[in-house]
Amino acid sequence: RFRIAGCSDSDGEDMYALDGEEMWYADFINKKGVEPQPSFIDHMSLVEGAYEQAVGQQQYCREELKKYRKAMK
């Protein structure tokens, strides 16, 4: 399993992939986790609360981004 998480001032990304296929991502616009898996495979789910964890990660990421920008001045 492979995870990508990142942020900018106006956008964010949090997703999990397995074998090169996206298995879950946080849809921050619609405020939910999405599992875009095809119907012909055994469905895999992340633990309950994954979306809320992704929201917390975005808040942390933006705070760290502010700190790094201030330090780079």
Protein backbone atom coordinates (compact mmCIF):
# COMPACT_ATOMS: atom_id res chain seq x y z
CA ARG A 1 0.00 0.00 0.00
CA PHE A 2 1.20 3.47 -0.87
CA ARG A 3 0.00 6.86 0.43
CA ILE A 4 0.30 10.38 -0.92
CA ALA A 5 -0.64 13.37 1.22
CA GLY A 6 0.16 17.01 0.61
CA CYS A 7 -1.21 20.51 0.67
CA SER A 8 -0.96 24.05 -0.62
CA ASP A 9 -2.68 27.23 0.54
CA SER A 10 -5.77 26.41 -1.50
CA ASP A 11 -5.73 22.66 -2.15
CA GLY A 12 -4.94 19.32 -0.58
CA GLU A 13 -4.51 15.67 -1.46
CA ASP A 14 -4.72 12.49 0.58
CA MET A 15 -4.95 9.16 -1.22
CA TYR A 16 -4.02 5.51 -0.88
CA ALA A 17 -3.07 3.21 -3.75
CA LEU A 18 -2.33 -0.49 -4.08
CA ASP A 19 -0.49 -2.04 -7.03
CA GLY A 20 -0.70 1.26 -8.91
CA GLU A 21 -4.48 1.56 -8.49
CA GLU A 22 -6.17 4.24 -6.41
CA MET A 23 -8.12 2.52 -3.63
CA TRP A 24 -9.20 5.53 -1.53
CA TYR A 25 -9.00 9.31 -1.62
CA ALA A 26 -10.31 12.18 0.45
CA ASP A 27 -12.80 14.32 -1.43
CA PHE A 28 -12.41 17.56 0.52
CA ILE A 29 -15.01 19.38 -1.60
CA ASN A 30 -17.80 16.89 -0.83
CA LYS A 31 -16.39 16.13 2.66
CA LYS A 32 -16.11 12.35 2.38
CA GLY A 33 -13.77 9.49 1.62
CA VAL A 34 -14.18 7.87 -1.80
CA GLU A 35 -13.34 4.25 -2.68
CA PRO A 36 -13.20 4.19 -6.51
CA GLN A 37 -12.74 0.43 -6.84
CA PRO A 38 -14.28 -1.51 -9.72
CA SER A 39 -17.13 -3.87 -8.89
CA PHE A 40 -15.29 -6.95 -10.17
CA ILE A 41 -12.70 -6.97 -7.34
CA ASP A 42 -13.04 -7.76 -3.66
CA HIS A 43 -13.82 -4.40 -2.10
CA MET A 44 -11.20 -3.05 0.33
CA SER A 45 -11.97 -0.32 2.85
CA LEU A 46 -9.82 1.81 5.09
CA VAL A 47 -10.51 1.99 8.78
CA GLU A 48 -13.44 4.05 9.96
CA GLY A 49 -12.44 7.67 10.50
CA ALA A 50 -10.00 7.79 7.57
CA TYR A 51 -11.60 10.94 6.17
CA GLU A 52 -11.44 12.72 9.52
CA GLN A 53 -7.78 11.72 9.80
CA ALA A 54 -7.14 13.17 6.33
CA VAL A 55 -8.77 16.47 7.37
CA GLY A 56 -6.52 16.61 10.43
CA GLN A 57 -3.49 15.86 8.26
CA GLN A 58 -4.40 18.79 5.99
CA GLN A 59 -4.62 21.16 8.95
CA TYR A 60 -1.22 19.98 10.18
CA CYS A 61 0.25 20.26 6.67
CA ARG A 62 -0.91 23.87 6.29
CA GLU A 63 0.51 24.83 9.68
CA GLU A 64 3.85 23.28 8.75
CA LEU A 65 3.75 25.06 5.38
CA LYS A 66 3.36 28.40 7.20
CA LYS A 67 6.32 27.58 9.47
CA TYR A 68 8.57 26.62 6.54
CA ARG A 69 7.68 29.76 4.61
CA LYS A 70 8.45 31.93 7.61
CA ALA A 71 11.77 30.13 8.20
CA MET A 72 12.80 30.54 4.54
CA LYS A 73 12.42 34.36 4.63
